[in-house]
PDB file of N, CA and C in Angstrom:
ATOM      1  N   MET A   1     -16.485  27.248   2.360  1.00  0.00           N
ATOM      2  CA  MET A   1     -16.290  26.396   2.276  1.00  0.00           C
ATOM      3  C   MET A   1     -14.488  26.164   2.216  1.00  0.00           C
ATOM      4  N   ASN A   2     -13.858  25.589   3.089  1.00  0.00           N
ATOM      5  CA  ASN A   2     -12.290  25.542   3.524  1.00  0.00           C
ATOM      6  C   ASN A   2     -11.957  24.607   2.414  1.00  0.00           C
ATOM      7  N   LYS A   3     -10.528  24.398   2.435  1.00  0.00           N
ATOM      8  CA  LYS A   3      -9.998  23.887   1.537  1.00  0.00           C
ATOM      9  C   LYS A   3     -10.161  22.059   1.945  1.00  0.00           C
ATOM     10  N   PHE A   4     -10.122  22.259   3.607  1.00  0.00           N
ATOM     11  CA  PHE A   4     -10.281  21.048   3.944  1.00  0.00           C
ATOM     12  C   PHE A   4     -11.674  20.301   3.723  1.00  0.00           C
ATOM     13  N   GLU A   5     -12.712  20.996   3.346  1.00  0.00           N
ATOM     14  CA  GLU A   5     -14.044  20.752   2.985  1.00  0.00           C
ATOM     15  C   GLU A   5     -14.012  20.160   1.812  1.00  0.00           C
ATOM     16  N   LYS A   6     -13.763  21.265   0.784  1.00  0.00           N
ATOM     17  CA  LYS A   6     -13.255  20.922  -0.526  1.00  0.00           C
ATOM     18  C   LYS A   6     -12.947  19.528  -0.787  1.00  0.00           C
ATOM     19  N   ILE A   7     -11.585  19.025   0.080  1.00  0.00           N
ATOM     20  CA  ILE A   7     -11.047  17.830  -0.495  1.00  0.00           C
ATOM     21  C   ILE A   7     -11.971  17.006  -0.140  1.00  0.00           C
ATOM     22  N   LEU A   8     -12.473  16.976   1.223  1.00  0.00           N
ATOM     23  CA  LEU A   8     -13.390  15.717   1.726  1.00  0.00           C
ATOM     24  C   LEU A   8     -14.730  15.469   0.463  1.00  0.00           C
ATOM     25  N   LYS A   9     -15.488  17.038   0.335  1.00  0.00           N
ATOM     26  CA  LYS A   9     -16.317  16.686  -0.899  1.00  0.00           C
ATOM     27  C   LYS A   9     -16.074  16.124  -1.839  1.00  0.00           C
ATOM     28  N   ASP A  10     -14.922  16.433  -2.475  1.00  0.00           N
ATOM     29  CA  ASP A  10     -14.325  15.517  -3.695  1.00  0.00           C
ATOM     30  C   ASP A  10     -14.351  14.264  -3.107  1.00  0.00           C
ATOM     31  N   LEU A  11     -13.678  13.469  -2.084  1.00  0.00           N
ATOM     32  CA  LEU A  11     -13.536  12.328  -1.904  1.00  0.00           C
ATOM     33  C   LEU A  11     -14.825  12.003  -1.772  1.00  0.00           C
ATOM     34  N   VAL A  12     -16.303  12.309  -0.984  1.00  0.00           N
ATOM     35  CA  VAL A  12     -17.051  11.407  -1.043  1.00  0.00           C
ATOM     36  C   VAL A  12     -17.904  11.601  -2.897  1.00  0.00           C
ATOM     37  N   PHE A  13     -17.659  12.477  -3.358  1.00  0.00           N
ATOM     38  CA  PHE A  13     -17.991  12.664  -4.305  1.00  0.00           C
ATOM     39  C   PHE A  13     -17.794  11.680  -5.589  1.00  0.00           C
ATOM     40  N   ASN A  14     -16.415  11.408  -5.433  1.00  0.00           N
ATOM     41  CA  ASN A  14     -15.660   9.989  -6.098  1.00  0.00           C
ATOM     42  C   ASN A  14     -15.897   9.072  -5.950  1.00  0.00           C
ATOM     43  N   THR A  15     -16.088   9.141  -4.523  1.00  0.00           N
ATOM     44  CA  THR A  15     -16.482   7.410  -3.946  1.00  0.00           C
ATOM     45  C   THR A  15     -17.542   7.081  -3.920  1.00  0.00           C
ATOM     46  N   GLY A  16     -18.908   7.541  -3.827  1.00  0.00           N
ATOM     47  CA  GLY A  16     -19.909   8.010  -3.634  1.00  0.00           C
ATOM     48  C   GLY A  16     -20.585   7.262  -1.865  1.00  0.00           C
ATOM     49  N   ALA A  17     -19.007   7.544  -1.030  1.00  0.00           N
ATOM     50  CA  ALA A  17     -19.462   7.302   0.230  1.00  0.00           C
ATOM     51  C   ALA A  17     -20.500   8.348   0.931  1.00  0.00           C
ATOM     52  N   GLU A  18     -20.306   8.015   2.211  1.00  0.00           N
ATOM     53  CA  GLU A  18     -21.981   8.998   2.840  1.00  0.00           C
ATOM     54  C   GLU A  18     -21.861  10.136   3.404  1.00  0.00           C
ATOM     55  N   GLY A  19     -20.470  10.050   3.449  1.00  0.00           N
ATOM     56  CA  GLY A  19     -19.661  11.063   4.532  1.00  0.00           C
ATOM     57  C   GLY A  19     -18.366  10.920   4.825  1.00  0.00           C
ATOM     58  N   ALA A  20     -18.114  12.063   5.258  1.00  0.00           N
ATOM     59  CA  ALA A  20     -16.309  11.911   5.488  1.00  0.00           C
ATOM     60  C   ALA A  20     -16.092  13.108   6.726  1.00  0.00           C
ATOM     61  N   VAL A  21     -15.255  13.009   7.232  1.00  0.00           N
ATOM     62  CA  VAL A  21     -14.757  13.653   8.535  1.00  0.00           C
ATOM     63  C   VAL A  21     -13.548  13.867   8.797  1.00  0.00           C
ATOM     64  N   LEU A  22     -13.016  15.360   9.040  1.00  0.00           N
ATOM     65  CA  LEU A  22     -11.464  15.235   9.363  1.00  0.00           C
ATOM     66  C   LEU A  22     -11.525  15.529  10.738  1.00  0.00           C
ATOM     67  N   ILE A  23     -10.772  15.007  11.536  1.00  0.00           N
ATOM     68  CA  ILE A  23     -11.013  14.655  13.280  1.00  0.00           C
ATOM     69  C   ILE A  23      -9.231  15.184  13.302  1.00  0.00           C
ATOM     70  N   SER A  24      -9.370  16.180  14.593  1.00  0.00           N
ATOM     71  CA  SER A  24      -7.872  16.551  15.293  1.00  0.00           C
ATOM     72  C   SER A  24      -7.464  15.536  15.997  1.00  0.00           C
ATOM     73  N   PRO A  25      -6.632  15.514  16.481  1.00  0.00           N
ATOM     74  CA  PRO A  25      -6.055  14.835  17.584  1.00  0.00           C
ATOM     75  C   PRO A  25      -6.523  14.537  18.754  1.00  0.00           C
ATOM     76  N   ASP A  26      -7.101  15.799  19.309  1.00  0.00           N
ATOM     77  CA  ASP A  26      -8.073  15.610  20.504  1.00  0.00           C
ATOM     78  C   ASP A  26      -9.515  15.407  20.318  1.00  0.00           C
ATOM     79  N   GLY A  27     -10.145  14.791  18.597  1.00  0.00           N
ATOM     80  CA  GLY A  27     -11.074  14.291  19.026  1.00  0.00           C
ATOM     81  C   GLY A  27     -12.288  15.350  18.357  1.00  0.00           C
ATOM     82  N   LEU A  28     -11.885  16.509  17.844  1.00  0.00           N
ATOM     83  CA  LEU A  28     -12.804  17.722  17.370  1.00  0.00           C
ATOM     84  C   LEU A  28     -12.925  17.562  15.724  1.00  0.00           C
ATOM     85  N   ALA A  29     -14.023  17.936  15.356  1.00  0.00           N
ATOM     86  CA  ALA A  29     -13.956  17.823  13.740  1.00  0.00           C
ATOM     87  C   ALA A  29     -13.299  19.212  13.289  1.00  0.00           C
ATOM     88  N   ILE A  30     -12.541  18.996  12.364  1.00  0.00           N
ATOM     89  CA  ILE A  30     -12.339  19.928  11.540  1.00  0.00           C
ATOM     90  C   ILE A  30     -12.688  20.596  10.476  1.00  0.00           C
ATOM     91  N   ALA A  31     -13.425  19.841   9.532  1.00  0.00           N
ATOM     92  CA  ALA A  31     -14.143  19.936   8.228  1.00  0.00           C
ATOM     93  C   ALA A  31     -14.785  18.635   8.721  1.00  0.00           C
ATOM     94  N   SER A  32     -15.884  18.740   7.966  1.00  0.00           N
ATOM     95  CA  SER A  32     -17.134  16.999   7.467  1.00  0.00           C
ATOM     96  C   SER A  32     -17.861  17.527   6.448  1.00  0.00           C
ATOM     97  N   THR A  33     -18.466  16.740   5.988  1.00  0.00           N
ATOM     98  CA  THR A  33     -19.805  16.474   4.595  1.00  0.00           C
ATOM     99  C   THR A  33     -20.820  16.239   5.224  1.00  0.00           C
ATOM    100  N   PHE A  34     -20.820  15.603   6.580  1.00  0.00           N
ATOM    101  CA  PHE A  34     -21.965  14.931   7.172  1.00  0.00           C
ATOM    102  C   PHE A  34     -23.085  15.719   7.016  1.00  0.00           C
ATOM    103  N   ASN A  35     -24.474  14.908   6.257  1.00  0.00           N
ATOM    104  CA  ASN A  35     -25.504  15.707   6.325  1.00  0.00           C
ATOM    105  C   ASN A  35     -26.216  15.663   7.938  1.00  0.00           C
ATOM    106  N   GLU A  36     -27.327  15.793   8.007  1.00  0.00           N
ATOM    107  CA  GLU A  36     -27.866  15.974   9.637  1.00  0.00           C
ATOM    108  C   GLU A  36     -28.249  14.482   9.876  1.00  0.00           C
ATOM    109  N   SER A  37     -27.952  12.784   9.402  1.00  0.00           N
ATOM    110  CA  SER A  37     -27.960  12.162   9.909  1.00  0.00           C
ATOM    111  C   SER A  37     -26.831  11.206  10.178  1.00  0.00           C
ATOM    112  N   TYR A  38     -25.667  12.260  10.518  1.00  0.00           N
ATOM    113  CA  TYR A  38     -24.552  11.633  11.105  1.00  0.00           C
ATOM    114  C   TYR A  38     -24.411  13.317  12.326  1.00  0.00           C
ATOM    115  N   ASP A  39     -24.094  12.988  13.489  1.00  0.00           N
ATOM    116  CA  ASP A  39     -23.555  13.964  14.009  1.00  0.00           C
ATOM    117  C   ASP A  39     -21.817  13.857  14.029  1.00  0.00           C
ATOM    118  N   GLU A  40     -21.453  14.583  13.665  1.00  0.00           N
ATOM    119  CA  GLU A  40     -20.146  14.724  13.610  1.00  0.00           C
ATOM    120  C   GLU A  40     -18.876  14.742  14.634  1.00  0.00           C
ATOM    121  N   GLU A  41     -19.426  15.621  15.390  1.00  0.00           N
ATOM    122  CA  GLU A  41     -18.980  15.589  16.896  1.00  0.00           C
ATOM    123  C   GLU A  41     -18.728  14.333  17.369  1.00  0.00           C
ATOM    124  N   ARG A  42     -19.813  13.506  17.341  1.00  0.00           N
ATOM    125  CA  ARG A  42     -19.820  12.161  17.959  1.00  0.00           C
ATOM    126  C   ARG A  42     -18.859  11.153  16.863  1.00  0.00           C
ATOM    127  N   ALA A  43     -18.996  11.102  15.785  1.00  0.00           N
ATOM    128  CA  ALA A  43     -17.970  10.611  15.203  1.00  0.00           C
ATOM    129  C   ALA A  43     -16.554  10.619  15.347  1.00  0.00           C
ATOM    130  N   ALA A  44     -16.280  12.313  15.864  1.00  0.00           N
ATOM    131  CA  ALA A  44     -15.094  12.546  15.800  1.00  0.00           C
ATOM    132  C   ALA A  44     -14.462  12.153  17.080  1.00  0.00           C
ATOM    133  N   ALA A  45     -15.085  12.259  17.780  1.00  0.00           N
ATOM    134  CA  ALA A  45     -14.562  11.804  19.032  1.00  0.00           C
ATOM    135  C   ALA A  45     -14.152  10.029  19.008  1.00  0.00           C
ATOM    136  N   MET A  46     -15.167   9.354  18.322  1.00  0.00           N
ATOM    137  CA  MET A  46     -15.026   7.841  18.322  1.00  0.00           C
ATOM    138  C   MET A  46     -13.821   7.356  17.083  1.00  0.00           C
ATOM    139  N   GLY A  47     -13.637   8.197  16.546  1.00  0.00           N
ATOM    140  CA  GLY A  47     -12.650   8.291  15.024  1.00  0.00           C
ATOM    141  C   GLY A  47     -11.269   8.077  16.081  1.00  0.00           C
ATOM    142  N   ALA A  48     -11.527   9.532  17.056  1.00  0.00           N
ATOM    143  CA  ALA A  48     -10.042   9.502  17.841  1.00  0.00           C
ATOM    144  C   ALA A  48      -9.680   8.704  18.467  1.00  0.00           C
ATOM    145  N   ALA A  49     -10.888   7.972  19.289  1.00  0.00           N
ATOM    146  CA  ALA A  49     -10.711   6.833  20.465  1.00  0.00           C
ATOM    147  C   ALA A  49     -10.233   5.524  19.696  1.00  0.00           C
ATOM    148  N   ILE A  50     -10.670   5.061  18.422  1.00  0.00           N
ATOM    149  CA  ILE A  50     -10.347   4.242  17.784  1.00  0.00           C
ATOM    150  C   ILE A  50      -9.146   3.969  17.238  1.00  0.00           C
ATOM    151  N   LEU A  51      -8.920   5.128  16.611  1.00  0.00           N
ATOM    152  CA  LEU A  51      -7.450   5.124  15.880  1.00  0.00           C
ATOM    153  C   LEU A  51      -6.041   4.989  17.267  1.00  0.00           C
ATOM    154  N   SER A  52      -6.559   5.646  18.678  1.00  0.00           N
ATOM    155  CA  SER A  52      -5.295   5.762  19.328  1.00  0.00           C
ATOM    156  C   SER A  52      -5.551   4.452  20.350  1.00  0.00           C
ATOM    157  N   LEU A  53      -6.406   3.705  20.457  1.00  0.00           N
ATOM    158  CA  LEU A  53      -6.475   2.376  20.753  1.00  0.00           C
ATOM    159  C   LEU A  53      -6.096   1.460  19.592  1.00  0.00           C
ATOM    160  N   SER A  54      -5.825   1.497  18.348  1.00  0.00           N
ATOM    161  CA  SER A  54      -5.384   0.540  17.202  1.00  0.00           C
ATOM    162  C   SER A  54      -4.051   1.083  17.097  1.00  0.00           C
ATOM    163  N   GLU A  55      -3.647   2.210  17.284  1.00  0.00           N
ATOM    164  CA  GLU A  55      -2.210   2.572  17.289  1.00  0.00           C
ATOM    165  C   GLU A  55      -1.415   2.063  18.577  1.00  0.00           C
ATOM    166  N   ARG A  56      -2.086   1.399  19.430  1.00  0.00           N
ATOM    167  CA  ARG A  56      -0.974   1.168  20.529  1.00  0.00           C
ATOM    168  C   ARG A  56      -1.194  -0.773  20.262  1.00  0.00           C
ATOM    169  N   VAL A  57      -2.430  -0.980  20.157  1.00  0.00           N
ATOM    170  CA  VAL A  57      -2.260  -2.580  19.492  1.00  0.00           C
ATOM    171  C   VAL A  57      -1.553  -2.866  18.520  1.00  0.00           C
ATOM    172  N   VAL A  58      -1.169  -1.945  17.203  1.00  0.00           N
ATOM    173  CA  VAL A  58       0.028  -2.498  16.195  1.00  0.00           C
ATOM    174  C   VAL A  58       1.324  -1.983  16.858  1.00  0.00           C
ATOM    175  N   SER A  59       1.410  -1.117  17.827  1.00  0.00           N
ATOM    176  CA  SER A  59       2.805  -1.010  18.681  1.00  0.00           C
ATOM    177  C   SER A  59       3.254  -2.352  19.408  1.00  0.00           C
ATOM    178  N   GLU A  60       2.217  -2.642  20.374  1.00  0.00           N
ATOM    179  CA  GLU A  60       2.487  -3.658  21.470  1.00  0.00           C
ATOM    180  C   GLU A  60       2.521  -5.118  20.483  1.00  0.00           C
ATOM    181  N   LEU A  61       2.201  -5.131  19.384  1.00  0.00           N
ATOM    182  CA  LEU A  61       1.818  -6.447  18.569  1.00  0.00           C
ATOM    183  C   LEU A  61       3.436  -6.274  17.299  1.00  0.00           C
ATOM    184  N   ASN A  62       3.995  -5.324  17.751  1.00  0.00           N
ATOM    185  CA  ASN A  62       5.285  -4.898  16.664  1.00  0.00           C
ATOM    186  C   ASN A  62       4.825  -5.537  15.258  1.00  0.00           C
ATOM    187  N   LYS A  63       3.688  -5.038  15.016  1.00  0.00           N
ATOM    188  CA  LYS A  63       3.204  -4.368  13.661  1.00  0.00           C
ATOM    189  C   LYS A  63       3.625  -3.041  12.772  1.00  0.00           C
ATOM    190  N   GLY A  64       4.408  -2.413  13.380  1.00  0.00           N
ATOM    191  CA  GLY A  64       4.862  -1.176  13.191  1.00  0.00           C
ATOM    192  C   GLY A  64       4.104  -0.153  13.467  1.00  0.00           C
ATOM    193  N   PHE A  65       4.077   0.850  11.710  1.00  0.00           N
ATOM    194  CA  PHE A  65       2.724   2.190  12.167  1.00  0.00           C
ATOM    195  C   PHE A  65       1.569   1.937  11.429  1.00  0.00           C
ATOM    196  N   LEU A  66       0.612   2.012  12.138  1.00  0.00           N
ATOM    197  CA  LEU A  66      -0.691   2.206  12.185  1.00  0.00           C
ATOM    198  C   LEU A  66      -0.588   2.737  10.580  1.00  0.00           C
ATOM    199  N   GLU A  67      -1.333   2.438   9.989  1.00  0.00           N
ATOM    200  CA  GLU A  67      -2.285   3.042   8.462  1.00  0.00           C
ATOM    201  C   GLU A  67      -3.629   3.312   8.315  1.00  0.00           C
ATOM    202  N   GLN A  68      -4.390   2.403   8.679  1.00  0.00           N
ATOM    203  CA  GLN A  68      -5.869   2.745   8.781  1.00  0.00           C
ATOM    204  C   GLN A  68      -6.391   1.228   9.521  1.00  0.00           C
ATOM    205  N   VAL A  69      -7.742   1.961   9.790  1.00  0.00           N
ATOM    206  CA  VAL A  69      -8.737   0.951  10.466  1.00  0.00           C
ATOM    207  C   VAL A  69      -9.971   0.929  10.178  1.00  0.00           C
ATOM    208  N   TYR A  70     -10.403  -0.157   9.460  1.00  0.00           N
ATOM    209  CA  TYR A  70     -11.950  -0.292   9.080  1.00  0.00           C
ATOM    210  C   TYR A  70     -12.686  -1.084   9.647  1.00  0.00           C
ATOM    211  N   VAL A  71     -13.876  -0.750  10.062  1.00  0.00           N
ATOM    212  CA  VAL A  71     -14.983  -1.802  10.620  1.00  0.00           C
ATOM    213  C   VAL A  71     -16.271  -1.636   9.699  1.00  0.00           C
ATOM    214  N   LYS A  72     -16.281  -3.246   9.435  1.00  0.00           N
ATOM    215  CA  LYS A  72     -17.645  -2.925   8.737  1.00  0.00           C
ATOM    216  C   LYS A  72     -18.722  -3.798   9.220  1.00  0.00           C
ATOM    217  N   GLY A  73     -19.434  -3.232   9.283  1.00  0.00           N
ATOM    218  CA  GLY A  73     -21.234  -3.605   9.829  1.00  0.00           C
ATOM    219  C   GLY A  73     -21.736  -4.237   8.630  1.00  0.00           C
ATOM    220  N   LYS A  74     -23.072  -5.020   8.883  1.00  0.00           N
ATOM    221  CA  LYS A  74     -24.096  -5.071   7.819  1.00  0.00           C
ATOM    222  C   LYS A  74     -24.115  -4.540   6.725  1.00  0.00           C
ATOM    223  N   ASP A  75     -24.124  -2.551   7.340  1.00  0.00           N
ATOM    224  CA  ASP A  75     -25.242  -1.890   6.477  1.00  0.00           C
ATOM    225  C   ASP A  75     -24.083  -1.269   6.052  1.00  0.00           C
ATOM    226  N   GLY A  76     -22.375  -1.067   6.206  1.00  0.00           N
ATOM    227  CA  GLY A  76     -21.322  -0.338   5.358  1.00  0.00           C
ATOM    228  C   GLY A  76     -20.077  -0.335   6.395  1.00  0.00           C
ATOM    229  N   TYR A  77     -18.933   0.431   5.934  1.00  0.00           N
ATOM    230  CA  TYR A  77     -17.777   0.343   6.351  1.00  0.00           C
ATOM    231  C   TYR A  77     -17.613   1.832   6.915  1.00  0.00           C
ATOM    232  N   VAL A  78     -16.985   2.161   8.262  1.00  0.00           N
ATOM    233  CA  VAL A  78     -16.458   3.382   8.455  1.00  0.00           C
ATOM    234  C   VAL A  78     -14.662   2.721   8.287  1.00  0.00           C
ATOM    235  N   LEU A  79     -14.627   4.114   7.801  1.00  0.00           N
ATOM    236  CA  LEU A  79     -12.767   3.858   7.330  1.00  0.00           C
ATOM    237  C   LEU A  79     -11.929   5.108   8.172  1.00  0.00           C
ATOM    238  N   PHE A  80     -11.241   4.785   9.053  1.00  0.00           N
ATOM    239  CA  PHE A  80     -10.302   5.867   9.750  1.00  0.00           C
ATOM    240  C   PHE A  80      -8.634   5.693   9.562  1.00  0.00           C
ATOM    241  N   THR A  81      -8.135   6.811   8.591  1.00  0.00           N
ATOM    242  CA  THR A  81      -6.713   6.745   8.391  1.00  0.00           C
ATOM    243  C   THR A  81      -6.179   8.030   9.291  1.00  0.00           C
ATOM    244  N   GLY A  82      -4.959   7.438   9.582  1.00  0.00           N
ATOM    245  CA  GLY A  82      -4.484   8.690  10.324  1.00  0.00           C
ATOM    246  C   GLY A  82      -3.566   9.697   9.587  1.00  0.00           C
ATOM    247  N   ILE A  83      -3.493  10.790   9.550  1.00  0.00           N
ATOM    248  CA  ILE A  83      -2.429  11.837   8.724  1.00  0.00           C
ATOM    249  C   ILE A  83      -1.575  12.260   9.337  1.00  0.00           C
ATOM    250  N   GLU A  84      -0.631  11.432   9.750  1.00  0.00           N
ATOM    251  CA  GLU A  84       0.915  12.178  10.455  1.00  0.00           C
ATOM    252  C   GLU A  84       0.332  12.207  11.891  1.00  0.00           C
ATOM    253  N   ASP A  85       0.672  13.457  12.478  1.00  0.00           N
ATOM    254  CA  ASP A  85       0.492  13.683  13.797  1.00  0.00           C
ATOM    255  C   ASP A  85      -0.701  15.000  13.665  1.00  0.00           C
ATOM    256  N   PHE A  86      -1.184  15.212  12.147  1.00  0.00           N
ATOM    257  CA  PHE A  86      -2.433  16.311  12.701  1.00  0.00           C
ATOM    258  C   PHE A  86      -3.532  16.112  12.569  1.00  0.00           C
ATOM    259  N   ALA A  87      -3.672  14.942  11.604  1.00  0.00           N
ATOM    260  CA  ALA A  87      -5.294  14.302  11.978  1.00  0.00           C
ATOM    261  C   ALA A  87      -5.811  12.965  11.573  1.00  0.00           C
ATOM    262  N   VAL A  88      -7.115  12.847  11.647  1.00  0.00           N
ATOM    263  CA  VAL A  88      -7.851  11.216  11.421  1.00  0.00           C
ATOM    264  C   VAL A  88      -8.895  11.894   9.909  1.00  0.00           C
ATOM    265  N   LEU A  89      -8.636  11.312   9.180  1.00  0.00           N
ATOM    266  CA  LEU A  89      -9.724  11.335   8.647  1.00  0.00           C
ATOM    267  C   LEU A  89     -10.956   9.871   8.225  1.00  0.00           C
ATOM    268  N   GLY A  90     -11.804  10.434   8.474  1.00  0.00           N
ATOM    269  CA  GLY A  90     -12.790   9.388   8.996  1.00  0.00           C
ATOM    270  C   GLY A  90     -14.288   9.032   7.549  1.00  0.00           C
ATOM    271  N   ILE A  91     -14.352   8.058   6.857  1.00  0.00           N
ATOM    272  CA  ILE A  91     -15.237   8.163   6.201  1.00  0.00           C
ATOM    273  C   ILE A  91     -16.107   6.836   6.049  1.00  0.00           C
ATOM    274  N   MET A  92     -17.333   7.408   5.704  1.00  0.00           N
ATOM    275  CA  MET A  92     -18.517   6.333   5.968  1.00  0.00           C
ATOM    276  C   MET A  92     -19.141   5.705   4.827  1.00  0.00           C
ATOM    277  N   THR A  93     -19.163   4.556   4.646  1.00  0.00           N
ATOM    278  CA  THR A  93     -20.086   4.149   3.383  1.00  0.00           C
ATOM    279  C   THR A  93     -20.872   3.171   3.766  1.00  0.00           C
ATOM    280  N   ASP A  94     -21.530   3.168   2.251  1.00  0.00           N
ATOM    281  CA  ASP A  94     -22.886   1.939   2.455  1.00  0.00           C
ATOM    282  C   ASP A  94     -22.048   0.814   1.777  1.00  0.00           C
ATOM    283  N   ASN A  95     -22.688  -0.612   2.331  1.00  0.00           N
ATOM    284  CA  ASN A  95     -21.684  -1.767   1.769  1.00  0.00           C
ATOM    285  C   ASN A  95     -21.365  -1.727   0.223  1.00  0.00           C
ATOM    286  N   LYS A  96     -22.108  -0.954  -0.453  1.00  0.00           N
ATOM    287  CA  LYS A  96     -21.931  -1.225  -2.119  1.00  0.00           C
ATOM    288  C   LYS A  96     -20.724  -0.467  -2.795  1.00  0.00           C
ATOM    289  N   VAL A  97     -20.094   0.033  -1.535  1.00  0.00           N
ATOM    290  CA  VAL A  97     -18.923   0.745  -2.255  1.00  0.00           C
ATOM    291  C   VAL A  97     -18.236   0.065  -2.987  1.00  0.00           C
ATOM    292  N   LYS A  98     -17.212   0.451  -4.048  1.00  0.00           N
ATOM    293  CA  LYS A  98     -15.777  -0.348  -4.291  1.00  0.00           C
ATOM    294  C   LYS A  98     -14.935  -0.127  -3.501  1.00  0.00           C
ATOM    295  N   LEU A  99     -14.305  -1.084  -3.382  1.00  0.00           N
ATOM    296  CA  LEU A  99     -13.253  -0.675  -1.467  1.00  0.00           C
ATOM    297  C   LEU A  99     -11.779  -0.130  -2.469  1.00  0.00           C
ATOM    298  N   GLY A 100     -11.629  -0.709  -3.484  1.00  0.00           N
ATOM    299  CA  GLY A 100     -10.422  -0.441  -4.334  1.00  0.00           C
ATOM    300  C   GLY A 100     -10.068   1.058  -5.047  1.00  0.00           C
ATOM    301  N   LEU A 101     -11.073   1.525  -5.328  1.00  0.00           N
ATOM    302  CA  LEU A 101     -11.749   3.144  -5.549  1.00  0.00           C
ATOM    303  C   LEU A 101     -11.434   3.475  -4.265  1.00  0.00           C
ATOM    304  N   LEU A 102     -12.334   3.073  -3.160  1.00  0.00           N
ATOM    305  CA  LEU A 102     -12.614   3.803  -2.032  1.00  0.00           C
ATOM    306  C   LEU A 102     -10.791   4.247  -1.220  1.00  0.00           C
ATOM    307  N   LEU A 103      -9.699   3.496  -1.297  1.00  0.00           N
ATOM    308  CA  LEU A 103      -8.857   3.508  -0.743  1.00  0.00           C
ATOM    309  C   LEU A 103      -7.899   3.965  -1.371  1.00  0.00           C
ATOM    310  N   MET A 104      -8.199   3.810  -3.165  1.00  0.00           N
ATOM    311  CA  MET A 104      -7.362   4.647  -3.780  1.00  0.00           C
ATOM    312  C   MET A 104      -7.500   6.139  -3.631  1.00  0.00           C
ATOM    313  N   GLU A 105      -8.606   6.472  -3.307  1.00  0.00           N
ATOM    314  CA  GLU A 105      -9.227   7.707  -3.128  1.00  0.00           C
ATOM    315  C   GLU A 105      -8.967   8.339  -2.121  1.00  0.00           C
ATOM    316  N   VAL A 106      -9.119   7.523  -1.060  1.00  0.00           N
ATOM    317  CA  VAL A 106      -8.647   8.185   0.811  1.00  0.00           C
ATOM    318  C   VAL A 106      -6.612   8.360   0.221  1.00  0.00           C
ATOM    319  N   LYS A 107      -6.293   7.462  -0.790  1.00  0.00           N
ATOM    320  CA  LYS A 107      -4.522   7.798  -0.363  1.00  0.00           C
ATOM    321  C   LYS A 107      -4.814   9.229  -1.002  1.00  0.00           C
ATOM    322  N   LYS A 108      -5.066   9.660  -2.017  1.00  0.00           N
ATOM    323  CA  LYS A 108      -5.331  10.800  -2.575  1.00  0.00           C
ATOM    324  C   LYS A 108      -6.132  11.519  -1.866  1.00  0.00           C
ATOM    325  N   ALA A 109      -6.761  11.802  -0.882  1.00  0.00           N
ATOM    326  CA  ALA A 109      -7.234  13.188  -0.064  1.00  0.00           C
ATOM    327  C   ALA A 109      -6.402  12.876   0.996  1.00  0.00           C
ATOM    328  N   VAL A 110      -6.025  12.125   1.627  1.00  0.00           N
ATOM    329  CA  VAL A 110      -4.477  12.422   2.536  1.00  0.00           C
ATOM    330  C   VAL A 110      -3.495  13.031   2.515  1.00  0.00           C
ATOM    331  N   LYS A 111      -2.750  12.726   0.484  1.00  0.00           N
ATOM    332  CA  LYS A 111      -1.713  13.335   0.213  1.00  0.00           C
ATOM    333  C   LYS A 111      -2.242  14.891   0.055  1.00  0.00           C
ATOM    334  N   GLU A 112      -3.567  15.164  -0.005  1.00  0.00           N
ATOM    335  CA  GLU A 112      -3.961  16.521  -0.285  1.00  0.00           C
ATOM    336  C   GLU A 112      -4.235  17.316   0.875  1.00  0.00           C
ATOM    337  N   ILE A 113      -4.387  16.462   2.187  1.00  0.00           N
ATOM    338  CA  ILE A 113      -4.703  17.308   3.557  1.00  0.00           C
ATOM    339  C   ILE A 113      -3.147  17.236   3.465  1.00  0.00           C
ATOM    340  N   SER A 114      -2.252  16.534   3.565  1.00  0.00           N
ATOM    341  CA  SER A 114      -1.012  16.753   4.344  1.00  0.00           C
ATOM    342  C   SER A 114      -0.377  17.944   3.109  1.00  0.00           C
ATOM    343  N   ASN A 115      -0.511  18.107   2.203  1.00  0.00           N
ATOM    344  CA  ASN A 115       0.086  19.460   1.672  1.00  0.00           C
ATOM    345  C   ASN A 115      -0.692  20.446   1.982  1.00  0.00           C
ATOM    346  N   GLU A 116      -1.888  20.683   2.091  1.00  0.00           N
ATOM    347  CA  GLU A 116      -2.374  21.785   3.051  1.00  0.00           C
ATOM    348  C   GLU A 116      -1.676  22.204   4.301  1.00  0.00           C
ATOM    349  N   VAL A 117      -1.562  21.331   5.237  1.00  0.00           N
ATOM    350  CA  VAL A 117      -1.070  21.236   6.338  1.00  0.00           C
ATOM    351  C   VAL A 117       0.502  21.937   6.242  1.00  0.00           C
ATOM    352  N   VAL A 118       0.844  21.454   5.432  1.00  0.00           N
ATOM    353  CA  VAL A 118       2.633  22.311   5.046  1.00  0.00           C
ATOM    354  C   VAL A 118       2.246  23.664   4.831  1.00  0.00           C
ATOM    355  N   LEU A 119       1.466  23.979   3.836  1.00  0.00           N
ATOM    356  CA  LEU A 119       1.192  24.866   3.014  1.00  0.00           C
ATOM    357  C   LEU A 119       0.496  26.272   4.518  1.00  0.00           C
ATOM    358  N   VAL A 120       0.163  25.821   5.461  1.00  0.00           N
ATOM    359  CA  VAL A 120      -0.863  26.677   6.365  1.00  0.00           C
ATOM    360  C   VAL A 120       0.631  27.174   7.450  1.00  0.00           C
TER     361      VAL A 120
END
């Protein structure tokens, strides 16, 4: 298990999320905690696409730097967070998740991932 996988596993454990994926800027999975119910490559490609479009939206509407994108479905949430120019963090949860806890843990994971990138 690499350091990114450990960070994702801790994030999933601490939040009760269903899974998490770290996505490269070109839409490839760097690390994930998905089981066979999720296709990590498909999730990675969609995460990169939605973040790219969202960055354009906030830029053109003068809303500053994009921080996060939430998608809420009947059965849960998908949250994408950009990590500088390095990656996108995607996390999937059911609809019972405590959003405050999730956001706090995502912020912590982003900081840990950023620190690992600096060390590499």
